[in-house]
C-alpha atoms as a PDB file:
ATOM      1  CA  MET A   1     -23.304 147.214  71.084  1.00  0.00           C
ATOM      2  CA  PHE A   2     -23.566 147.160  74.889  1.00  0.00           C
ATOM      3  CA  THR A   3     -20.494 148.175  77.053  1.00  0.00           C
ATOM      4  CA  GLN A   4     -19.643 148.637  80.586  1.00  0.00           C
ATOM      5  CA  HIS A   5     -16.349 150.294  79.791  1.00  0.00           C
ATOM      6  CA  LEU A   6     -17.064 153.834  78.560  1.00  0.00           C
ATOM      7  CA  ALA A   7     -14.969 156.873  78.225  1.00  0.00           C
ATOM      8  CA  ASN A   8     -17.411 158.642  80.674  1.00  0.00           C
ATOM      9  CA  GLY A   9     -18.023 155.728  82.977  1.00  0.00           C
ATOM     10  CA  ILE A  10     -16.105 154.088  85.980  1.00  0.00           C
ATOM     11  CA  THR A  11     -15.987 150.600  87.262  1.00  0.00           C
ATOM     12  CA  MET A  12     -13.515 151.631  89.987  1.00  0.00           C
ATOM     13  CA  LEU A  13     -12.660 154.895  91.898  1.00  0.00           C
ATOM     14  CA  PRO A  14      -9.490 156.570  90.381  1.00  0.00           C
ATOM     15  CA  THR A  15      -7.387 156.007  93.434  1.00  0.00           C
ATOM     16  CA  THR A  16      -4.705 153.905  95.110  1.00  0.00           C
ATOM     17  CA  GLU A  17      -5.863 154.756  98.535  1.00  0.00           C
ATOM     18  CA  ARG A  18      -7.532 152.183 100.769  1.00  0.00           C
ATOM     19  CA  VAL A  19     -11.053 153.403 100.046  1.00  0.00           C
ATOM     20  CA  LEU A  20     -14.361 151.715  99.027  1.00  0.00           C
ATOM     21  CA  ALA A  21     -17.630 153.054  97.682  1.00  0.00           C
ATOM     22  CA  LEU A  22     -20.806 151.565  99.154  1.00  0.00           C
ATOM     23  CA  THR A  23     -23.543 151.921  96.465  1.00  0.00           C
ATOM     24  CA  PHE A  24     -27.158 150.986  96.684  1.00  0.00           C
ATOM     25  CA  ASP A  25     -29.618 150.612  93.798  1.00  0.00           C
ATOM     26  CA  ASP A  26     -33.349 150.608  93.289  1.00  0.00           C
ATOM     27  CA  GLY A  27     -34.533 152.497  96.125  1.00  0.00           C
ATOM     28  CA  PRO A  28     -35.841 154.407  98.020  1.00  0.00           C
ATOM     29  CA  ASP A  29     -38.542 152.118  99.447  1.00  0.00           C
ATOM     30  CA  ALA A  30     -40.266 152.291 102.892  1.00  0.00           C
ATOM     31  CA  GLU A  31     -38.763 149.160 104.338  1.00  0.00           C
ATOM     32  CA  PHE A  32     -35.191 148.332 103.355  1.00  0.00           C
ATOM     33  CA  THR A  33     -33.791 151.732 102.556  1.00  0.00           C
ATOM     34  CA  PRO A  34     -34.523 153.057 106.056  1.00  0.00           C
ATOM     35  CA  ARG A  35     -32.808 150.060 107.420  1.00  0.00           C
ATOM     36  CA  VAL A  36     -29.843 150.703 105.439  1.00  0.00           C
ATOM     37  CA  LEU A  37     -29.853 154.341 106.384  1.00  0.00           C
ATOM     38  CA  ASP A  38     -30.043 153.265 110.043  1.00  0.00           C
ATOM     39  CA  ILE A  39     -27.038 150.923 109.703  1.00  0.00           C
ATOM     40  CA  LEU A  40     -24.866 153.577 107.734  1.00  0.00           C
ATOM     41  CA  ARG A  41     -25.797 156.398 110.376  1.00  0.00           C
ATOM     42  CA  GLY A  42     -24.720 153.937 113.182  1.00  0.00           C
ATOM     43  CA  TYR A  43     -21.264 153.453 111.606  1.00  0.00           C
ATOM     44  CA  GLY A  44     -20.939 157.083 110.631  1.00  0.00           C
ATOM     45  CA  ILE A  45     -20.473 155.987 106.939  1.00  0.00           C
ATOM     46  CA  ARG A  46     -21.733 157.951 103.776  1.00  0.00           C
ATOM     47  CA  ALA A  47     -22.856 156.078 100.735  1.00  0.00           C
ATOM     48  CA  THR A  48     -24.209 156.577  97.258  1.00  0.00           C
ATOM     49  CA  PHE A  49     -27.758 155.739  96.451  1.00  0.00           C
ATOM     50  CA  PHE A  50     -28.866 155.235  92.839  1.00  0.00           C
ATOM     51  CA  CYS A  51     -32.617 155.959  92.967  1.00  0.00           C
ATOM     52  CA  LEU A  52     -35.372 155.063  90.754  1.00  0.00           C
ATOM     53  CA  GLY A  53     -37.747 157.989  89.872  1.00  0.00           C
ATOM     54  CA  SER A  54     -41.016 155.791  90.545  1.00  0.00           C
ATOM     55  CA  GLN A  55     -39.713 154.946  93.885  1.00  0.00           C
ATOM     56  CA  VAL A  56     -38.683 158.632  94.829  1.00  0.00           C
ATOM     57  CA  ALA A  57     -42.259 159.701  93.775  1.00  0.00           C
ATOM     58  CA  ASP A  58     -43.759 157.026  96.173  1.00  0.00           C
ATOM     59  CA  ASN A  59     -41.149 157.632  98.953  1.00  0.00           C
ATOM     60  CA  PRO A  60     -40.127 161.270  98.812  1.00  0.00           C
ATOM     61  CA  PHE A  61     -39.361 161.511 102.537  1.00  0.00           C
ATOM     62  CA  VAL A  62     -37.103 158.527 102.285  1.00  0.00           C
ATOM     63  CA  ALA A  63     -35.241 160.291  99.351  1.00  0.00           C
ATOM     64  CA  LYS A  64     -35.054 163.454 101.459  1.00  0.00           C
ATOM     65  CA  ARG A  65     -33.521 161.498 104.299  1.00  0.00           C
ATOM     66  CA  ILE A  66     -30.820 159.992 101.984  1.00  0.00           C
ATOM     67  CA  VAL A  67     -29.613 163.487 101.225  1.00  0.00           C
ATOM     68  CA  SER A  68     -30.171 165.060 104.793  1.00  0.00           C
ATOM     69  CA  GLU A  69     -27.941 162.359 106.274  1.00  0.00           C
ATOM     70  CA  GLY A  70     -25.103 163.220 103.899  1.00  0.00           C
ATOM     71  CA  HIS A  71     -25.300 160.545 101.258  1.00  0.00           C
ATOM     72  CA  LEU A  72     -25.044 161.113  97.582  1.00  0.00           C
ATOM     73  CA  ILE A  73     -28.314 160.567  95.602  1.00  0.00           C
ATOM     74  CA  ALA A  74     -28.083 159.617  92.068  1.00  0.00           C
ATOM     75  CA  ASN A  75     -30.113 158.498  88.890  1.00  0.00           C
ATOM     76  CA  HIS A  76     -31.006 154.946  88.050  1.00  0.00           C
ATOM     77  CA  THR A  77     -33.807 155.700  85.510  1.00  0.00           C
ATOM     78  CA  TRP A  78     -37.597 155.910  86.323  1.00  0.00           C
ATOM     79  CA  SER A  79     -38.633 152.376  85.622  1.00  0.00           C
ATOM     80  CA  HIS A  80     -35.574 150.246  85.410  1.00  0.00           C
ATOM     81  CA  PRO A  81     -35.621 149.334  81.750  1.00  0.00           C
ATOM     82  CA  HIS A  82     -33.162 147.150  79.692  1.00  0.00           C
ATOM     83  CA  ALA A  83     -31.171 149.330  77.440  1.00  0.00           C
ATOM     84  CA  ALA A  84     -32.322 147.310  74.447  1.00  0.00           C
ATOM     85  CA  ASP A  85     -35.956 147.957  75.124  1.00  0.00           C
ATOM     86  CA  VAL A  86     -35.689 151.845  75.066  1.00  0.00           C
ATOM     87  CA  THR A  87     -34.577 154.342  72.395  1.00  0.00           C
ATOM     88  CA  VAL A  88     -32.099 157.088  73.267  1.00  0.00           C
ATOM     89  CA  SER A  89     -34.917 159.505  73.635  1.00  0.00           C
ATOM     90  CA  GLN A  90     -36.923 157.262  75.910  1.00  0.00           C
ATOM     91  CA  LEU A  91     -33.910 156.664  78.030  1.00  0.00           C
ATOM     92  CA  LEU A  92     -33.230 160.431  78.306  1.00  0.00           C
ATOM     93  CA  ARG A  93     -36.983 161.026  79.294  1.00  0.00           C
ATOM     94  CA  GLU A  94     -36.569 158.405  82.066  1.00  0.00           C
ATOM     95  CA  VAL A  95     -33.407 160.029  83.360  1.00  0.00           C
ATOM     96  CA  THR A  96     -34.765 163.562  83.009  1.00  0.00           C
ATOM     97  CA  ASN A  97     -38.044 162.609  84.919  1.00  0.00           C
ATOM     98  CA  THR A  98     -36.035 160.807  87.662  1.00  0.00           C
ATOM     99  CA  SER A  99     -33.702 163.785  88.175  1.00  0.00           C
ATOM    100  CA  GLU A 100     -36.768 166.130  88.430  1.00  0.00           C
ATOM    101  CA  ALA A 101     -38.279 163.806  91.091  1.00  0.00           C
ATOM    102  CA  ILE A 102     -35.238 163.789  93.011  1.00  0.00           C
ATOM    103  CA  ALA A 103     -34.809 167.580  92.863  1.00  0.00           C
ATOM    104  CA  GLU A 104     -38.450 168.017  93.910  1.00  0.00           C
ATOM    105  CA  ALA A 105     -38.014 165.769  96.916  1.00  0.00           C
ATOM    106  CA  THR A 106     -34.548 166.695  98.070  1.00  0.00           C
ATOM    107  CA  ASN A 107     -33.598 169.986  96.449  1.00  0.00           C
ATOM    108  CA  GLU A 108     -30.599 168.153  94.977  1.00  0.00           C
ATOM    109  CA  ARG A 109     -30.135 167.473  91.364  1.00  0.00           C
ATOM    110  CA  PRO A 110     -28.141 164.300  90.655  1.00  0.00           C
ATOM    111  CA  CYS A 111     -25.088 164.373  88.439  1.00  0.00           C
ATOM    112  CA  TRP A 112     -24.239 160.490  88.568  1.00  0.00           C
ATOM    113  CA  PHE A 113     -26.038 157.945  86.749  1.00  0.00           C
ATOM    114  CA  ARG A 114     -26.030 154.102  86.665  1.00  0.00           C
ATOM    115  CA  PRO A 115     -27.863 152.232  83.890  1.00  0.00           C
ATOM    116  CA  PRO A 116     -30.018 149.431  84.974  1.00  0.00           C
ATOM    117  CA  PHE A 117     -28.334 145.940  84.691  1.00  0.00           C
ATOM    118  CA  GLY A 118     -25.167 147.876  83.616  1.00  0.00           C
ATOM    119  CA  GLU A 119     -26.338 148.203  80.138  1.00  0.00           C
ATOM    120  CA  LEU A 120     -25.941 151.059  77.709  1.00  0.00           C
ATOM    121  CA  THR A 121     -25.808 151.300  74.012  1.00  0.00           C
ATOM    122  CA  ASP A 122     -23.101 153.503  72.526  1.00  0.00           C
ATOM    123  CA  ASP A 123     -25.569 156.059  71.355  1.00  0.00           C
ATOM    124  CA  GLN A 124     -27.264 155.870  74.916  1.00  0.00           C
ATOM    125  CA  ALA A 125     -23.942 156.379  76.606  1.00  0.00           C
ATOM    126  CA  ALA A 126     -23.023 159.343  74.211  1.00  0.00           C
ATOM    127  CA  ALA A 127     -26.537 161.021  75.050  1.00  0.00           C
ATOM    128  CA  ILE A 128     -26.136 160.587  78.705  1.00  0.00           C
ATOM    129  CA  SER A 129     -22.698 162.122  78.664  1.00  0.00           C
ATOM    130  CA  LYS A 130     -23.848 165.027  76.594  1.00  0.00           C
ATOM    131  CA  ALA A 131     -26.771 165.483  79.090  1.00  0.00           C
ATOM    132  CA  GLY A 132     -23.930 166.086  81.763  1.00  0.00           C
ATOM    133  CA  TYR A 133     -24.198 162.747  83.806  1.00  0.00           C
ATOM    134  CA  LYS A 134     -21.150 160.915  85.184  1.00  0.00           C
ATOM    135  CA  VAL A 135     -21.722 157.284  84.715  1.00  0.00           C
ATOM    136  CA  ALA A 136     -20.847 154.627  87.314  1.00  0.00           C
ATOM    137  CA  PHE A 137     -20.714 150.934  87.046  1.00  0.00           C
ATOM    138  CA  TRP A 138     -19.194 148.651  89.778  1.00  0.00           C
ATOM    139  CA  THR A 139     -16.349 146.672  90.657  1.00  0.00           C
ATOM    140  CA  VAL A 140     -18.046 143.964  92.814  1.00  0.00           C
ATOM    141  CA  ASP A 141     -21.552 142.748  92.592  1.00  0.00           C
ATOM    142  CA  SER A 142     -22.937 141.596  95.916  1.00  0.00           C
ATOM    143  CA  LEU A 143     -25.656 139.698  94.231  1.00  0.00           C
ATOM    144  CA  ASP A 144     -27.960 140.757  97.191  1.00  0.00           C
ATOM    145  CA  TRP A 145     -30.774 141.381  94.732  1.00  0.00           C
ATOM    146  CA  SER A 146     -31.191 137.537  94.176  1.00  0.00           C
ATOM    147  CA  GLY A 147     -32.633 137.076  97.703  1.00  0.00           C
ATOM    148  CA  ILE A 148     -29.462 135.309  99.162  1.00  0.00           C
ATOM    149  CA  GLU A 149     -28.755 135.523 102.973  1.00  0.00           C
ATOM    150  CA  GLY A 150     -26.263 137.909 104.606  1.00  0.00           C
ATOM    151  CA  PRO A 151     -23.434 135.391 104.864  1.00  0.00           C
ATOM    152  CA  GLU A 152     -23.494 134.717 101.156  1.00  0.00           C
ATOM    153  CA  ILE A 153     -23.648 138.474 100.528  1.00  0.00           C
ATOM    154  CA  VAL A 154     -20.492 139.072 102.485  1.00  0.00           C
ATOM    155  CA  ALA A 155     -18.775 136.052 100.869  1.00  0.00           C
ATOM    156  CA  ASN A 156     -19.413 137.491  97.558  1.00  0.00           C
ATOM    157  CA  VAL A 157     -17.862 140.883  98.282  1.00  0.00           C
ATOM    158  CA  VAL A 158     -15.009 140.395 100.713  1.00  0.00           C
ATOM    159  CA  PRO A 159     -12.645 138.235  98.488  1.00  0.00           C
ATOM    160  CA  ALA A 160     -12.973 140.823  95.568  1.00  0.00           C
ATOM    161  CA  LEU A 161     -12.200 143.886  97.721  1.00  0.00           C
ATOM    162  CA  ASP A 162      -9.416 146.228  96.425  1.00  0.00           C
ATOM    163  CA  ASN A 163      -8.356 149.804  96.620  1.00  0.00           C
ATOM    164  CA  GLY A 164     -11.096 152.023  95.065  1.00  0.00           C
ATOM    165  CA  ALA A 165     -13.528 149.151  94.621  1.00  0.00           C
ATOM    166  CA  ILE A 166     -17.206 150.273  93.889  1.00  0.00           C
ATOM    167  CA  LEU A 167     -19.446 147.846  95.819  1.00  0.00           C
ATOM    168  CA  LEU A 168     -22.969 147.103  94.278  1.00  0.00           C
ATOM    169  CA  HIS A 169     -25.840 146.498  96.676  1.00  0.00           C
ATOM    170  CA  HIS A 170     -29.430 147.197  96.699  1.00  0.00           C
ATOM    171  CA  SER A 171     -31.747 148.928  99.122  1.00  0.00           C
ATOM    172  CA  ALA A 172     -35.154 147.803  97.747  1.00  0.00           C
ATOM    173  CA  GLY A 173     -36.496 144.573  96.267  1.00  0.00           C
ATOM    174  CA  ASN A 174     -35.713 140.951  97.325  1.00  0.00           C
ATOM    175  CA  VAL A 175     -32.969 142.054  99.514  1.00  0.00           C
ATOM    176  CA  ALA A 176     -33.822 140.986 103.057  1.00  0.00           C
ATOM    177  CA  GLY A 177     -30.254 139.740 103.487  1.00  0.00           C
ATOM    178  CA  ILE A 178     -28.775 143.238 103.270  1.00  0.00           C
ATOM    179  CA  SER A 179     -29.895 144.002 106.888  1.00  0.00           C
ATOM    180  CA  ASP A 180     -27.766 141.182 108.261  1.00  0.00           C
ATOM    181  CA  ALA A 181     -24.783 141.457 105.861  1.00  0.00           C
ATOM    182  CA  LEU A 182     -24.175 145.270 105.992  1.00  0.00           C
ATOM    183  CA  PRO A 183     -22.935 145.617 109.601  1.00  0.00           C
ATOM    184  CA  TYR A 184     -20.576 142.621 109.346  1.00  0.00           C
ATOM    185  CA  LEU A 185     -19.322 143.661 105.839  1.00  0.00           C
ATOM    186  CA  ILE A 186     -18.633 147.286 107.156  1.00  0.00           C
ATOM    187  CA  GLU A 187     -16.730 145.895 110.161  1.00  0.00           C
ATOM    188  CA  VAL A 188     -14.667 143.463 108.158  1.00  0.00           C
ATOM    189  CA  CYS A 189     -13.617 146.198 105.683  1.00  0.00           C
ATOM    190  CA  GLN A 190     -12.722 148.499 108.546  1.00  0.00           C
ATOM    191  CA  ARG A 191     -10.604 145.694 110.098  1.00  0.00           C
ATOM    192  CA  LEU A 192      -8.937 145.417 106.757  1.00  0.00           C
ATOM    193  CA  GLY A 193      -8.027 149.162 106.768  1.00  0.00           C
ATOM    194  CA  TYR A 194     -10.563 150.348 104.359  1.00  0.00           C
ATOM    195  CA  ARG A 195     -12.603 153.557 104.700  1.00  0.00           C
ATOM    196  CA  PHE A 196     -15.862 154.316 102.859  1.00  0.00           C
ATOM    197  CA  VAL A 197     -16.522 157.221 100.603  1.00  0.00           C
ATOM    198  CA  ARG A 198     -19.148 158.677  98.323  1.00  0.00           C
ATOM    199  CA  LEU A 199     -18.483 158.437  94.625  1.00  0.00           C
ATOM    200  CA  ASP A 200     -17.889 162.302  94.466  1.00  0.00           C
ATOM    201  CA  GLU A 201     -15.338 162.244  97.252  1.00  0.00           C
ATOM    202  CA  VAL A 202     -12.479 160.868  95.126  1.00  0.00           C
ATOM    203  CA  ARG A 203     -11.447 162.828  91.873  1.00  0.00           C
END
């Protein structure tokens, strides 16, 4: 059985404050992740990056930049498998190898995990929790991974904004639209009175 509503997982931040969590999956790469980091730095915003171990191994200096600029780095497995395609032990190996790659590149060991495609079996979820990871899903999917342009990304997000919403974006892959969408999205959210936080900044 697959589930997105786990005892140890969140789909929203536990708050009534007017805050949002920007999250970015699938990086770090050498093209889009630095662009996203440049934009976030320009606005003074901190976000959460769910990184693939294979990408960290290929781009350790970008991973290090994520941490050095104040963002939260988190685990998104090594190779982005569907939950149905891996056993519990295989998933744990993916997660462990990714955390080791992140620690080697950044001296930070992640404690947050997001399963690829938002998929986990009950047994996998229990094992991830036992391994000490907090699981984060999302409230709003921007669909930026599909290659849509900036205005479409913004249109997918803004109508669904709510206090404590976790916004799903990507910083690698077919995501050329994120460079145009992100500044506008940030400014719209700020005009609406929202501020941005890392996942670990709301208890």
